[in-house]
Protein backbone atom coordinates (compact mmCIF):
# COMPACT_ATOMS: atom_id res chain seq x y z
CA UNK A 1 -13.01 22.16 4.07
CA UNK A 2 -12.74 18.63 2.63
CA UNK A 3 -15.38 16.43 3.90
CA UNK A 4 -13.34 13.38 4.89
CA UNK A 5 -16.26 11.43 6.19
CA UNK A 6 -18.39 11.89 3.14
CA UNK A 7 -15.51 11.06 0.82
CA UNK A 8 -14.83 7.88 2.63
CA UNK A 9 -18.37 6.69 2.36
CA UNK A 10 -18.14 7.26 -1.33
CA UNK A 11 -14.92 5.43 -1.61
CA UNK A 12 -16.25 2.50 0.43
CA UNK A 13 -19.30 2.45 -1.91
CA UNK A 14 -17.30 2.35 -5.06
CA UNK A 15 -15.02 -0.54 -3.54
CA UNK A 16 -18.22 -2.50 -2.63
CA UNK A 17 -19.53 -2.02 -5.99
CA UNK A 18 -16.33 -3.10 -7.87
CA UNK A 19 -16.13 -6.06 -5.42
CA UNK A 20 -19.76 -7.24 -6.40
CA UNK A 21 -19.02 -6.85 -10.15
CA UNK A 22 -16.17 -9.37 -9.54
CA UNK A 23 -18.17 -11.59 -7.38
CA UNK A 24 -16.13 -10.65 -4.36
CA UNK A 25 -16.73 -9.46 -0.76
CA UNK A 26 -15.78 -5.91 0.09
CA UNK A 27 -14.61 -7.35 3.46
CA UNK A 28 -11.74 -8.92 1.69
CA UNK A 29 -10.49 -5.43 0.74
CA UNK A 30 -8.63 -3.12 2.91
CA UNK A 31 -8.79 0.58 2.11
CA UNK A 32 -5.54 2.43 2.91
CA UNK A 33 -6.07 6.06 3.10
CA UNK A 34 -2.77 7.71 1.87
CA UNK A 35 -2.33 11.02 3.73
CA UNK A 36 0.78 12.24 2.32
CA UNK A 37 1.37 15.87 2.20
CA UNK A 38 -1.69 16.55 4.32
CA UNK A 39 -1.49 17.63 8.14
CA UNK A 40 -1.89 15.41 10.92
CA UNK A 41 -5.41 17.03 11.66
CA UNK A 42 -6.65 15.47 8.25
CA UNK A 43 -5.23 11.98 9.08
CA UNK A 44 -6.82 11.97 12.34
CA UNK A 45 -10.13 13.30 10.84
CA UNK A 46 -10.03 10.04 8.59
CA UNK A 47 -9.26 7.91 11.73
CA UNK A 48 -12.03 9.38 13.47
CA UNK A 49 -14.39 8.71 10.78
CA UNK A 50 -13.51 5.05 10.97
CA UNK A 51 -10.54 4.41 8.65
CA UNK A 52 -8.26 2.08 10.43
CA UNK A 53 -5.34 2.12 7.61
CA UNK A 54 -3.36 5.08 6.57
CA UNK A 55 -0.46 5.35 4.26
CA UNK A 56 2.51 7.42 3.90
CA UNK A 57 5.31 7.97 1.07
CA UNK A 58 8.00 9.30 2.93
CA UNK A 59 9.56 8.10 6.36
CA UNK A 60 10.68 11.72 7.25
CA UNK A 61 7.30 13.31 6.45
CA UNK A 62 5.40 10.62 8.43
CA UNK A 63 7.47 10.60 11.52
CA UNK A 64 5.96 13.44 13.26
CA UNK A 65 2.52 12.78 12.08
CA UNK A 66 2.62 9.33 13.55
CA UNK A 67 4.14 10.49 16.79
CA UNK A 68 1.66 12.92 17.19
CA UNK A 69 -1.22 10.45 16.61
CA UNK A 70 0.15 8.12 18.82
CA UNK A 71 0.49 10.56 21.66
CA UNK A 72 -3.43 11.18 21.11
CA UNK A 73 -4.07 7.38 21.39
CA UNK A 74 -4.90 7.13 17.67
CA UNK A 75 -3.49 3.91 16.61
CA UNK A 76 -4.12 3.10 12.78
CA UNK A 77 -2.14 0.40 11.05
CA UNK A 78 0.53 2.62 9.36
CA UNK A 79 1.53 1.67 5.73
CA UNK A 80 4.68 2.68 4.04
CA UNK A 81 3.61 2.95 0.27
CA UNK A 82 6.57 4.87 -1.00
CA UNK A 83 10.12 4.07 -2.04
CA UNK A 84 12.24 3.03 1.19
CA UNK A 85 16.11 4.01 1.16
CA UNK A 86 18.20 1.64 3.28
CA UNK A 87 19.39 4.40 5.34
CA UNK A 88 15.74 5.18 6.51
CA UNK A 89 15.00 1.40 7.45
CA UNK A 90 15.57 1.78 11.34
CA UNK A 91 13.15 4.65 11.51
CA UNK A 92 10.90 2.82 9.10
CA UNK A 93 10.66 -0.25 11.14
CA UNK A 94 9.87 1.62 14.26
CA UNK A 95 7.16 3.77 12.79
CA UNK A 96 5.21 1.47 10.20
CA UNK A 97 3.37 -1.79 10.59
CA UNK A 98 3.24 -2.73 6.93
CA UNK A 99 5.99 -2.03 4.20
CA UNK A 100 4.89 -2.01 0.68
CA UNK A 101 7.83 -1.41 -1.32
CA UNK A 102 10.47 -4.15 -0.78
CA UNK A 103 12.20 -4.55 -4.16
CA UNK A 104 15.50 -6.32 -3.23
CA UNK A 105 17.04 -8.86 -1.02
CA UNK A 106 19.32 -6.43 0.49
CA UNK A 107 16.50 -4.07 1.39
CA UNK A 108 14.55 -7.00 2.97
CA UNK A 109 17.75 -8.17 4.96
CA UNK A 110 18.10 -4.64 6.34
CA UNK A 111 14.49 -4.55 7.42
CA UNK A 112 14.95 -8.20 8.95
CA UNK A 113 18.14 -6.77 10.94
CA UNK A 114 16.54 -3.47 12.35
CA UNK A 115 12.93 -4.83 13.13
CA UNK A 116 12.12 -5.64 16.83
CA UNK A 117 8.87 -7.21 16.11
CA UNK A 118 7.23 -8.89 13.00
CA UNK A 119 6.49 -6.65 10.04
CA UNK A 120 4.43 -7.44 7.01
CA UNK A 121 5.97 -6.54 3.79
CA UNK A 122 5.05 -6.70 0.07
CA UNK A 123 7.47 -7.20 -2.64
CA UNK A 124 7.15 -4.14 -5.13
CA UNK A 125 6.98 -5.42 -8.75
CA UNK A 126 7.44 -3.15 -11.82
CA UNK A 127 5.00 -4.94 -13.81
CA UNK A 128 5.05 -2.49 -16.82
CA UNK A 129 8.96 -2.15 -16.83
CA UNK A 130 8.79 1.28 -16.57
CA UNK A 131 12.40 2.94 -16.10
CA UNK A 132 11.16 5.52 -13.65
CA UNK A 133 9.44 3.07 -11.33
CA UNK A 134 10.93 1.19 -8.44
CA UNK A 135 10.19 -2.47 -8.04
CA UNK A 136 11.51 -6.01 -8.97
CA UNK A 137 11.33 -7.30 -12.57
CA UNK A 138 8.36 -10.02 -12.76
CA UNK A 139 10.87 -12.75 -13.64
CA UNK A 140 12.69 -12.16 -10.39
CA UNK A 141 9.95 -12.18 -7.93
CA UNK A 142 9.65 -15.88 -7.29
CA UNK A 143 13.28 -16.40 -6.27
CA UNK A 144 13.12 -12.93 -4.37
CA UNK A 145 9.80 -14.14 -2.63
CA UNK A 146 11.71 -17.39 -1.34
CA UNK A 147 14.56 -15.47 0.13
CA UNK A 148 12.46 -12.74 1.70
CA UNK A 149 10.04 -15.32 3.14
CA UNK A 150 12.88 -16.98 5.03
CA UNK A 151 14.07 -13.91 6.87
CA UNK A 152 13.18 -13.30 10.64
CA UNK A 153 11.14 -10.65 11.72
CA UNK A 154 9.46 -10.48 8.29
CA UNK A 155 5.90 -11.80 7.25
CA UNK A 156 5.80 -11.96 3.48
CA UNK A 157 2.27 -11.00 2.55
CA UNK A 158 2.03 -10.47 -0.87
CA UNK A 159 2.92 -8.36 -4.03
CA UNK A 160 2.37 -4.78 -4.83
CA UNK A 161 2.49 -2.44 -7.86
CA UNK A 162 2.07 1.12 -8.95
CA UNK A 163 0.47 0.86 -12.42
CA UNK A 164 1.28 3.30 -15.20
CA UNK A 165 -0.58 6.70 -15.40
CA UNK A 166 -3.08 6.55 -18.19
CA UNK A 167 -6.43 8.43 -19.11
CA UNK A 168 -8.46 5.30 -19.14
CA UNK A 169 -8.31 2.90 -16.11
CA UNK A 170 -9.13 0.01 -18.46
CA UNK A 171 -5.58 0.51 -19.95
CA UNK A 172 -4.00 -0.98 -16.79
CA UNK A 173 -6.39 -3.86 -16.29
CA UNK A 174 -3.54 -6.13 -17.83
CA UNK A 175 -1.02 -4.88 -15.48
CA UNK A 176 -3.19 -5.81 -12.37
CA UNK A 177 -4.06 -9.13 -13.90
CA UNK A 178 -0.49 -9.73 -14.46
CA UNK A 179 0.45 -9.19 -10.75
CA UNK A 180 -2.50 -11.41 -9.61
CA UNK A 181 -1.26 -14.12 -11.84
CA UNK A 182 2.14 -13.70 -10.41
CA UNK A 183 0.96 -13.70 -7.06
CA UNK A 184 -0.95 -16.86 -7.64
CA UNK A 185 1.86 -18.76 -9.03
CA UNK A 186 3.77 -17.98 -6.11
CA UNK A 187 1.29 -18.88 -3.75
CA UNK A 188 0.96 -15.45 -1.65
CA UNK A 189 -2.31 -14.10 -0.37
CA UNK A 190 -2.37 -10.30 -0.77
CA UNK A 191 -2.22 -7.84 -3.43
CA UNK A 192 -1.60 -4.09 -2.87
CA UNK A 193 -2.60 -2.50 -6.13
CA UNK A 194 -4.86 0.49 -7.09
CA UNK A 195 -4.83 4.03 -6.47
CA UNK A 196 -7.51 6.90 -6.90
CA UNK A 197 -7.61 6.70 -10.61
CA UNK A 198 -7.75 3.12 -11.06
CA UNK A 199 -8.75 1.40 -7.72
CA UNK A 200 -12.07 -0.17 -9.04
CA UNK A 201 -10.39 -1.99 -11.86
CA UNK A 202 -7.80 -2.99 -9.36
CA UNK A 203 -10.41 -4.46 -7.24
CA UNK A 204 -12.26 -6.16 -10.08
CA UNK A 205 -8.64 -7.91 -10.81
CA UNK A 206 -8.21 -9.27 -7.32
CA UNK A 207 -6.56 -6.24 -5.19
CA UNK A 208 -7.04 -7.01 -1.55
CA UNK A 209 -5.45 -3.48 -0.56
CA UNK A 210 -6.09 -0.34 -2.25
CA UNK A 211 -4.03 2.82 -1.61
CA UNK A 212 -6.30 5.79 -2.15
CA UNK A 213 -5.28 9.37 -1.26
CA UNK A 214 -7.03 12.17 -3.49
CA UNK A 215 -10.49 10.66 -3.43
CA UNK A 216 -10.31 10.72 0.37
CA UNK A 217 -8.40 13.50 1.25
CA UNK A 218 -8.58 15.86 -1.66
CA UNK A 219 -5.82 17.51 -3.75
CA UNK A 220 -2.34 17.22 -2.32
CA UNK A 221 -1.24 20.04 0.06
CA UNK A 222 1.58 21.91 -1.10
């Protein structure tokens, strides 16, 4: 069985080392454990080992997991890190605390209308312009941020990206750097970037939230 506590300790150490290389404090970086495809028992083990932020990709898959942990009195901050369809917005606003993948004004308006509490959101940016990825184009982000930031029940926290898959994490450093520069130009605080294969480079480039699945939970459950 995967040793969740040992894996968490290793990931925290790697985050800390990357932060130190960049002259940053690891306390400024939130580790989000992405428990998608794994059973609720695995997510609960991470929570019991001290992880307070958990991420899921799909609303439908996450719902029973979140409900079960709530019943058990386990209350991590739940992050939706995958694409959000507008027909899933009412459920998402009930289940999740932070939404990482707002990529249009229409989606933001739907979230604002459905939410019964303030939700933190990130604008997803397709920095590399990949046709297979969701996200707003970098040139659209400033105007989108202005509009999203004015909506009720929404706290615009920052920007998010999913970097291209590459063999060498150094190859996506320019993607992370570009997102940081865009965040700085807009004047937001947070950066959600970096996953298992590239989170150390993301931390070096200013990430404030890293979304790590496999390094904590092992290979995806089928």
